[in-house]
Amino acid sequence: RFQLCSALCLQDPMPRASQNAVIPEPSSWPCRHLLFDVHEAVVLGSSQRTSSQTGGRTSSPSRETSPSRESRGGTVGTGEPSKVIDVTFLVAGDRKLRLERFPPRDLLTWGPCFALIDVVADQFRRELIGGARVVELGCGLGLPGLLCASLGANVTVTDLPDMVGSVEYNAAACGWPQRVWKVVGGKNAGGLDVEPADSNHKGTLPKLAYEATVEELNLSENSLTFRRLTGKGPDTGSVQVKRFGGADLMQRTQERPLVDGVAGTVRTVALKWDAEDAAELLDDGGVDIILCSDCVNEPLYGQSWVELADCFEVLCGPRTSVLFSLQRRLEDGFDGFLEHLRDSGFLLQRMASQSHGGKEVLVFCARRRTASERFAELLIRRANEIVERERAKAASFRR
């Protein structure tokens, strides 16, 4: 028994993809996989946007254009230049992403986000290319989630209701439609009648087919101006959302059709850290990877990490990897968070240790214990109990 327990103790507690992880020496380089270009560009609105359709699937929008966001404030659609960040993701075929909303801080302050991206790109690239399902909690700008999608993952990015608008904004600017509608009326009539979006257009447009999906460009009372994503119909136009009498002709949908030239999918969800709300994310299936960047900071967020850990427990399946990063701060509560995860049955491994702007940044991987690991722990615990009893007997005999 003691030989068996000794052998089990020597086994690696994380025998999966991360078992050969090498913790790099602290580095001040912001991110090994990203190039940044901060500049000013004119962010166009829906009336200026152009799109094309190929083979029933939409080509990605120009990097100088983005969906309608006039109602979200700022200078969008005014023709005035505003600061944007173009991010080149080197391991995704130099895929370029555009951030049109970001905090007015130096890039070096994004250390936890960059450290997390390095670990994901280095050690989980194969899973992402294979279409892994990723959920990012407390996403902020959502850069880690967007980069996962650019490799081919199906990503759900979440944040508080008053914060999720930024990542929705950025996802749409990168070519992933966010405000998607589906035709639910006109089945027996061959689809819905479409009015030209351009008042100068002459002639009639074909109908928008039943179950076609479109991206919202503008919504004014009962009129929806759209760009077609899937199904038959005109590329753009305007349709009625409800028929006379109140029956739905169009409904919002959580479907995110694939877009030509843009890998993966991105869906934004408003989510407070609540176990019951997090469980609704499982309606779309299990989660392969959970991401969380710099969300444990007691002076700023209090002990909200307890609810964050509850979400981990709900979303984690037997093969789910949880990757989280943070910048160490005075009395940040991170040690208590790690201990809470261990007590909840998670195995933890430090994946990276870096220095960004003179601040220590850590990345950890957590996952549930397997049945064999729980059995091994039971044997070890029993062995320790036997050892303690034998020591007690030996001490009693000496007395």
Protein backbone atom coordinates (compact mmCIF):
# COMPACT_ATOMS: atom_id res chain seq x y z
CA ARG A 1 0.00 0.00 0.00
CA PHE A 2 2.78 2.42 0.88
CA GLN A 3 4.56 1.68 -2.41
CA LEU A 4 1.34 2.38 -4.33
CA CYS A 5 0.76 5.63 -2.47
CA SER A 6 4.36 6.71 -3.06
CA ALA A 7 3.99 6.09 -6.78
CA LEU A 8 0.76 8.06 -6.89
CA CYS A 9 2.34 10.96 -5.05
CA LEU A 10 5.01 11.18 -7.72
CA GLN A 11 2.50 11.47 -10.55
CA ASP A 12 1.95 14.86 -12.20
CA PRO A 13 -1.32 16.33 -10.87
CA MET A 14 -2.05 17.97 -14.26
CA PRO A 15 -1.50 15.15 -16.79
CA ARG A 16 -2.98 16.94 -19.80
CA ALA A 17 -1.88 19.44 -22.41
CA SER A 18 -0.44 21.76 -19.77
CA GLN A 19 1.73 19.14 -18.06
CA ASN A 20 4.86 20.15 -19.99
CA ALA A 21 4.26 23.85 -19.52
CA VAL A 22 7.46 25.79 -18.93
CA ILE A 23 7.03 28.88 -16.78
CA PRO A 24 8.98 31.59 -18.62
CA GLU A 25 11.27 33.99 -16.86
CA PRO A 26 9.65 37.34 -16.08
CA SER A 27 9.54 39.43 -19.23
CA SER A 28 8.55 43.03 -19.87
CA TRP A 29 7.54 42.41 -23.51
CA PRO A 30 3.79 43.20 -23.74
CA CYS A 31 2.70 40.20 -25.83
CA ARG A 32 4.61 37.74 -27.98
CA HIS A 33 1.74 37.10 -30.39
CA LEU A 34 0.33 40.57 -31.06
CA LEU A 35 1.37 43.67 -32.98
CA PHE A 36 -0.39 46.96 -32.28
CA ASP A 37 -1.05 49.95 -34.48
CA VAL A 38 -2.66 52.87 -32.66
CA HIS A 39 -3.88 55.50 -35.09
CA GLU A 40 -6.83 57.66 -36.07
CA ALA A 41 -9.43 56.50 -38.56
CA VAL A 42 -12.92 57.48 -39.63
CA VAL A 43 -15.42 55.04 -38.13
CA LEU A 44 -18.31 54.79 -40.55
CA GLY A 45 -21.97 54.37 -39.69
CA SER A 46 -24.59 52.14 -41.26
CA SER A 47 -25.55 54.60 -43.98
CA GLN A 48 -21.94 54.58 -45.20
CA ARG A 49 -21.36 50.86 -44.85
CA THR A 50 -20.92 48.56 -47.82
CA SER A 51 -21.09 44.80 -47.94
CA SER A 52 -21.10 41.98 -50.46
CA GLN A 53 -22.60 38.53 -50.57
CA THR A 54 -20.93 35.40 -51.91
CA GLY A 55 -22.37 31.91 -52.04
CA GLY A 56 -25.09 32.62 -49.50
CA ARG A 57 -22.56 33.71 -46.87
CA THR A 58 -21.40 37.24 -46.24
CA SER A 59 -17.90 38.46 -46.93
CA SER A 60 -16.21 40.18 -44.04
CA PRO A 61 -16.67 43.94 -43.85
CA SER A 62 -13.87 46.28 -44.74
CA ARG A 63 -11.58 47.03 -41.83
CA GLU A 64 -12.48 50.69 -42.29
CA THR A 65 -16.17 49.97 -41.73
CA SER A 66 -18.32 48.57 -38.97
CA PRO A 67 -21.98 47.95 -38.21
CA SER A 68 -24.33 50.67 -37.11
CA ARG A 69 -23.50 51.96 -33.66
CA GLU A 70 -24.80 55.53 -33.86
CA SER A 71 -27.06 54.97 -30.85
CA ARG A 72 -24.12 54.04 -28.61
CA GLY A 73 -22.56 57.45 -28.39
CA GLY A 74 -19.13 58.72 -29.45
CA THR A 75 -18.32 59.97 -32.91
CA VAL A 76 -19.41 56.84 -34.77
CA GLY A 77 -20.90 57.62 -38.16
CA THR A 78 -20.15 61.36 -37.97
CA GLY A 79 -17.20 61.17 -40.37
CA GLU A 80 -14.88 62.54 -37.68
CA PRO A 81 -11.58 60.67 -37.11
CA SER A 82 -11.25 58.84 -33.79
CA LYS A 83 -8.49 56.78 -32.24
CA VAL A 84 -8.59 53.04 -32.99
CA ILE A 85 -6.23 50.13 -32.31
CA ASP A 86 -5.52 47.60 -35.05
CA VAL A 87 -4.27 44.35 -33.51
CA THR A 88 -2.43 41.81 -35.68
CA PHE A 89 -2.64 38.26 -34.32
CA LEU A 90 0.51 36.57 -35.59
CA VAL A 91 -0.49 32.93 -35.08
CA ALA A 92 -3.84 33.37 -36.86
CA GLY A 93 -2.44 34.14 -40.29
CA ASP A 94 -1.75 37.75 -39.30
CA ARG A 95 -5.50 38.23 -38.75
CA LYS A 96 -6.24 41.88 -38.00
CA LEU A 97 -8.75 42.91 -35.38
CA ARG A 98 -9.96 46.42 -34.71
CA LEU A 99 -10.66 47.86 -31.27
CA GLU A 100 -12.78 50.97 -31.52
CA ARG A 101 -13.56 51.10 -27.82
CA PHE A 102 -10.81 50.76 -25.22
CA PRO A 103 -9.75 52.47 -21.97
CA PRO A 104 -7.51 55.54 -22.28
CA ARG A 105 -4.54 53.77 -20.70
CA ASP A 106 -1.13 52.70 -21.89
CA LEU A 107 -0.95 49.22 -23.45
CA LEU A 108 1.50 48.12 -20.75
CA THR A 109 -1.36 48.27 -18.23
CA TRP A 110 -3.08 45.42 -20.12
CA GLY A 111 -0.53 42.96 -18.71
CA PRO A 112 -2.94 40.27 -17.40
CA CYS A 113 -4.78 40.24 -20.73
CA PHE A 114 -1.54 39.84 -22.71
CA ALA A 115 -0.19 37.12 -20.40
CA LEU A 116 -3.42 35.17 -20.79
CA ILE A 117 -3.28 35.50 -24.58
CA ASP A 118 0.30 34.19 -24.61
CA VAL A 119 -0.68 31.04 -22.70
CA VAL A 120 -3.79 30.42 -24.80
CA ALA A 121 -1.95 30.89 -28.10
CA ASP A 122 1.00 28.73 -27.05
CA GLN A 123 -0.78 25.79 -25.42
CA PHE A 124 -4.42 25.70 -26.55
CA ARG A 125 -4.14 26.62 -30.21
CA ARG A 126 -5.05 23.14 -31.44
CA GLU A 127 -8.30 23.11 -29.46
CA LEU A 128 -9.25 26.57 -30.73
CA ILE A 129 -8.57 25.69 -34.37
CA GLY A 130 -10.75 22.63 -33.85
CA GLY A 131 -13.75 24.80 -32.93
CA ALA A 132 -13.60 24.65 -29.13
CA ARG A 133 -16.37 26.39 -27.21
CA VAL A 134 -14.94 29.24 -25.17
CA VAL A 135 -16.62 31.39 -22.51
CA GLU A 136 -14.92 34.56 -21.26
CA LEU A 137 -16.13 35.95 -17.93
CA GLY A 138 -15.74 39.63 -17.07
CA CYS A 139 -14.44 40.19 -20.58
CA GLY A 140 -14.12 43.99 -20.64
CA LEU A 141 -12.92 44.70 -24.19
CA GLY A 142 -12.98 40.96 -24.92
CA LEU A 143 -9.58 40.81 -26.63
CA PRO A 144 -8.72 37.24 -25.45
CA GLY A 145 -12.13 35.98 -26.59
CA LEU A 146 -11.91 37.74 -29.96
CA LEU A 147 -8.49 36.25 -30.58
CA CYS A 148 -9.79 32.77 -29.75
CA ALA A 149 -12.57 33.27 -32.30
CA SER A 150 -10.05 34.38 -34.92
CA LEU A 151 -8.46 30.92 -34.63
CA GLY A 152 -11.81 29.21 -35.18
CA ALA A 153 -13.38 28.90 -31.71
CA ASN A 154 -17.04 29.49 -30.94
CA VAL A 155 -16.83 32.18 -28.29
CA THR A 156 -19.31 33.63 -25.81
CA VAL A 157 -18.02 36.82 -24.17
CA THR A 158 -19.80 38.02 -21.04
CA ASP A 159 -19.75 41.05 -18.80
CA LEU A 160 -22.11 43.16 -16.70
CA PRO A 161 -25.14 44.58 -18.54
CA ASP A 162 -23.71 48.10 -18.50
CA MET A 163 -20.27 46.90 -19.67
CA VAL A 164 -21.00 44.38 -22.41
CA GLY A 165 -21.62 47.11 -25.01
CA SER A 166 -17.89 47.69 -25.50
CA VAL A 167 -17.09 44.13 -26.52
CA GLU A 168 -20.23 43.98 -28.70
CA TYR A 169 -19.02 47.15 -30.39
CA ASN A 170 -15.51 45.74 -30.97
CA ALA A 171 -16.75 42.33 -32.13
CA ALA A 172 -18.95 43.94 -34.77
CA ALA A 173 -16.06 46.16 -35.88
CA CYS A 174 -13.97 43.01 -36.42
CA GLY A 175 -16.57 41.43 -38.68
CA TRP A 176 -18.64 39.25 -36.33
CA PRO A 177 -22.32 40.29 -36.59
CA GLN A 178 -23.88 40.91 -33.19
CA ARG A 179 -27.42 42.21 -33.70
CA VAL A 180 -28.85 39.31 -35.65
CA TRP A 181 -32.51 38.83 -36.62
CA LYS A 182 -34.31 35.87 -38.15
CA VAL A 183 -37.33 35.83 -40.47
CA VAL A 184 -40.19 34.05 -38.68
CA GLY A 185 -43.11 35.28 -40.80
CA GLY A 186 -44.18 35.01 -44.41
CA LYS A 187 -43.66 31.26 -44.64
CA ASN A 188 -46.73 30.71 -46.84
CA ALA A 189 -46.16 33.90 -48.82
CA GLY A 190 -42.65 33.06 -49.97
CA GLY A 191 -40.99 35.46 -47.54
CA LEU A 192 -41.26 39.10 -46.51
CA ASP A 193 -41.68 42.12 -48.74
CA VAL A 194 -38.54 44.27 -48.83
CA GLU A 195 -38.32 48.00 -49.38
CA PRO A 196 -35.10 49.53 -50.76
CA ALA A 197 -32.84 50.98 -48.09
CA ASP A 198 -31.75 53.60 -50.62
CA SER A 199 -34.54 56.02 -51.51
CA ASN A 200 -32.95 56.51 -54.96
CA HIS A 201 -33.32 52.83 -55.83
CA LYS A 202 -35.80 52.15 -58.60
CA GLY A 203 -37.73 48.94 -59.08
CA THR A 204 -38.81 46.22 -56.68
CA LEU A 205 -36.65 43.92 -54.60
CA PRO A 206 -37.09 40.15 -54.20
CA LYS A 207 -38.60 38.87 -50.98
CA LEU A 208 -36.53 37.99 -47.95
CA ALA A 209 -36.90 34.23 -47.50
CA TYR A 210 -38.40 32.53 -44.48
CA GLU A 211 -35.73 31.64 -41.83
CA ALA A 212 -33.16 33.93 -43.44
CA THR A 213 -30.87 35.71 -40.96
CA VAL A 214 -29.88 39.35 -41.24
CA GLU A 215 -27.71 41.82 -39.37
CA GLU A 216 -29.40 44.92 -38.01
CA LEU A 217 -28.07 48.14 -39.49
CA ASN A 218 -30.80 50.40 -38.15
CA LEU A 219 -34.06 49.91 -36.24
CA SER A 220 -36.65 52.66 -36.36
CA GLU A 221 -39.97 51.81 -34.72
CA ASN A 222 -41.31 48.93 -36.86
CA SER A 223 -38.79 49.22 -39.72
CA LEU A 224 -35.59 47.19 -39.74
CA THR A 225 -32.80 48.08 -42.15
CA PHE A 226 -30.67 44.99 -42.64
CA ARG A 227 -27.72 43.31 -44.26
CA ARG A 228 -28.46 39.73 -45.28
CA LEU A 229 -26.31 37.01 -43.69
CA THR A 230 -27.93 33.71 -44.74
CA GLY A 231 -30.91 32.63 -46.85
CA LYS A 232 -32.29 34.06 -50.06
CA GLY A 233 -33.17 37.69 -50.62
CA PRO A 234 -31.64 41.07 -51.39
CA ASP A 235 -28.29 41.96 -49.85
CA THR A 236 -29.75 45.01 -48.09
CA GLY A 237 -33.15 46.58 -47.60
CA SER A 238 -35.85 47.34 -45.04
CA VAL A 239 -38.59 45.06 -43.69
CA GLN A 240 -41.37 45.33 -41.15
CA VAL A 241 -40.65 43.72 -37.78
CA LYS A 242 -44.32 43.10 -36.92
CA ARG A 243 -47.38 42.75 -39.07
CA PHE A 244 -50.52 44.81 -38.49
CA GLY A 245 -52.09 43.30 -35.41
CA GLY A 246 -48.80 42.63 -33.58
CA ALA A 247 -47.67 39.22 -34.89
CA ASP A 248 -43.89 38.89 -35.26
CA LEU A 249 -42.37 38.88 -38.73
CA MET A 250 -38.77 39.18 -37.47
CA GLN A 251 -37.26 38.04 -34.17
CA ARG A 252 -33.88 38.56 -32.57
CA THR A 253 -31.83 35.36 -32.49
CA GLN A 254 -28.76 34.07 -30.70
CA GLU A 255 -27.62 32.36 -33.90
CA ARG A 256 -24.27 33.60 -35.17
CA PRO A 257 -23.80 32.56 -38.81
CA LEU A 258 -20.30 32.01 -40.10
CA VAL A 259 -18.97 34.86 -42.21
CA ASP A 260 -16.73 34.30 -45.22
CA GLY A 261 -13.17 35.35 -44.46
CA VAL A 262 -13.80 35.47 -40.70
CA ALA A 263 -13.08 32.37 -38.62
CA GLY A 264 -15.12 31.37 -35.60
CA THR A 265 -18.14 33.05 -34.06
CA VAL A 266 -18.64 35.60 -31.28
CA ARG A 267 -21.75 36.05 -29.15
CA THR A 268 -22.02 38.71 -26.45
CA VAL A 269 -24.10 38.03 -23.33
CA ALA A 270 -24.86 40.28 -20.38
CA LEU A 271 -24.06 38.22 -17.28
CA LYS A 272 -23.68 38.95 -13.61
CA TRP A 273 -21.61 36.42 -11.70
CA ASP A 274 -24.49 34.26 -10.59
CA ALA A 275 -24.56 30.46 -10.70
CA GLU A 276 -28.13 30.24 -12.00
CA ASP A 277 -27.52 32.78 -14.76
CA ALA A 278 -24.24 31.10 -15.71
CA ALA A 279 -26.04 27.74 -16.02
CA GLU A 280 -28.08 29.18 -18.90
CA LEU A 281 -24.89 29.34 -20.96
CA LEU A 282 -24.87 25.53 -20.93
CA ASP A 283 -28.05 25.48 -23.03
CA ASP A 284 -25.75 25.68 -26.07
CA GLY A 285 -23.65 22.73 -24.88
CA GLY A 286 -20.61 22.14 -22.71
CA VAL A 287 -17.69 24.54 -22.37
CA ASP A 288 -14.14 23.56 -23.33
CA ILE A 289 -12.22 26.62 -22.14
CA ILE A 290 -13.12 29.38 -19.67
CA LEU A 291 -11.14 32.63 -19.72
CA CYS A 292 -10.94 35.34 -17.08
CA SER A 293 -8.49 38.23 -16.98
CA ASP A 294 -7.71 40.36 -13.90
CA CYS A 295 -11.07 39.89 -12.16
CA VAL A 296 -9.79 39.29 -8.61
CA ASN A 297 -9.04 42.56 -6.84
CA GLU A 298 -10.65 42.95 -3.41
CA PRO A 299 -9.91 46.69 -3.01
CA LEU A 300 -11.86 47.30 -6.24
CA TYR A 301 -14.36 44.42 -6.54
CA GLY A 302 -14.66 43.19 -2.94
CA GLN A 303 -15.05 39.43 -2.53
CA SER A 304 -16.91 39.03 -5.82
CA TRP A 305 -14.39 36.26 -6.53
CA VAL A 306 -16.67 33.96 -4.51
CA GLU A 307 -19.40 34.36 -7.16
CA LEU A 308 -16.76 34.02 -9.87
CA ALA A 309 -15.69 30.67 -8.41
CA ASP A 310 -19.35 29.60 -8.32
CA CYS A 311 -19.57 30.30 -12.06
CA PHE A 312 -16.46 28.17 -12.60
CA GLU A 313 -18.11 25.28 -10.77
CA VAL A 314 -21.30 25.53 -12.82
CA LEU A 315 -19.62 25.83 -16.22
CA CYS A 316 -16.82 23.31 -15.70
CA GLY A 317 -17.24 19.84 -17.13
CA PRO A 318 -14.80 16.96 -16.65
CA ARG A 319 -12.60 18.19 -19.53
CA THR A 320 -12.94 21.96 -19.11
CA SER A 321 -9.83 24.09 -18.63
CA VAL A 322 -10.15 27.37 -16.70
CA LEU A 323 -7.46 29.93 -17.53
CA PHE A 324 -7.29 33.06 -15.41
CA SER A 325 -4.72 35.80 -14.99
CA LEU A 326 -4.20 38.74 -12.70
CA GLN A 327 -1.76 41.41 -11.63
CA ARG A 328 -0.66 41.01 -8.02
CA ARG A 329 -1.59 43.91 -5.76
CA LEU A 330 -1.48 44.62 -2.05
CA GLU A 331 -4.22 42.68 -0.23
CA ASP A 332 -5.82 41.67 -3.52
CA GLY A 333 -7.46 38.54 -2.07
CA PHE A 334 -5.93 36.28 -4.71
CA ASP A 335 -4.49 33.79 -2.23
CA GLY A 336 -7.94 33.35 -0.69
CA PHE A 337 -9.40 32.85 -4.17
CA LEU A 338 -6.90 30.07 -4.93
CA GLU A 339 -7.58 28.36 -1.62
CA HIS A 340 -11.32 28.57 -2.28
CA LEU A 341 -10.85 26.86 -5.66
CA ARG A 342 -8.79 24.09 -4.08
CA ASP A 343 -11.45 23.53 -1.43
CA SER A 344 -14.04 23.33 -4.23
CA GLY A 345 -12.23 20.40 -5.83
CA PHE A 346 -10.13 22.14 -8.48
CA LEU A 347 -6.56 21.28 -9.35
CA LEU A 348 -4.42 24.37 -9.96
CA GLN A 349 -1.22 24.90 -11.91
CA ARG A 350 0.70 28.08 -12.47
CA MET A 351 1.20 28.48 -16.21
CA ALA A 352 3.14 31.73 -16.48
CA SER A 353 4.84 34.43 -14.47
CA GLN A 354 5.59 37.70 -16.18
CA SER A 355 6.39 41.31 -15.41
CA HIS A 356 4.44 44.09 -17.11
CA GLY A 357 5.29 47.67 -16.27
CA GLY A 358 7.16 46.45 -13.18
CA LYS A 359 4.09 44.56 -11.91
CA GLU A 360 3.97 40.81 -11.35
CA VAL A 361 1.41 39.07 -13.55
CA LEU A 362 0.41 35.42 -13.05
CA VAL A 363 -1.57 32.96 -15.18
CA PHE A 364 -3.15 29.85 -13.66
CA CYS A 365 -4.97 26.84 -15.09
CA ALA A 366 -7.67 25.10 -13.07
CA ARG A 367 -9.66 21.99 -13.80
CA ARG A 368 -11.77 19.46 -11.92
CA ARG A 369 -10.15 16.40 -10.39
CA THR A 370 -10.75 13.18 -12.30
CA ALA A 371 -12.14 10.07 -10.63
CA SER A 372 -8.69 8.45 -10.59
CA GLU A 373 -7.19 11.54 -8.97
CA ARG A 374 -9.88 11.58 -6.29
CA PHE A 375 -9.19 7.89 -5.64
CA ALA A 376 -5.46 8.58 -5.40
CA GLU A 377 -6.09 11.37 -2.89
CA LEU A 378 -8.23 9.00 -0.84
CA LEU A 379 -5.42 6.44 -0.75
CA ILE A 380 -2.89 9.08 0.24
CA ARG A 381 -5.16 10.36 2.99
CA ARG A 382 -5.65 6.83 4.30
CA ALA A 383 -1.90 6.20 4.17
CA ASN A 384 -1.26 9.37 6.15
CA GLU A 385 -3.78 8.27 8.75
CA ILE A 386 -1.99 4.91 9.09
CA VAL A 387 1.35 6.66 9.46
CA GLU A 388 -0.03 8.90 12.20
CA ARG A 389 -1.47 5.93 14.07
CA GLU A 390 1.83 4.06 13.88
CA ARG A 391 3.68 7.10 15.15
CA ALA A 392 1.26 7.44 18.03
CA LYS A 393 1.71 3.75 18.91
CA ALA A 394 5.50 4.08 18.78
CA ALA A 395 5.42 7.14 21.03
CA SER A 396 3.14 5.33 23.51
CA PHE A 397 5.44 2.28 23.54
CA ARG A 398 8.49 4.43 24.29
CA ARG A 399 6.67 5.98 27.23
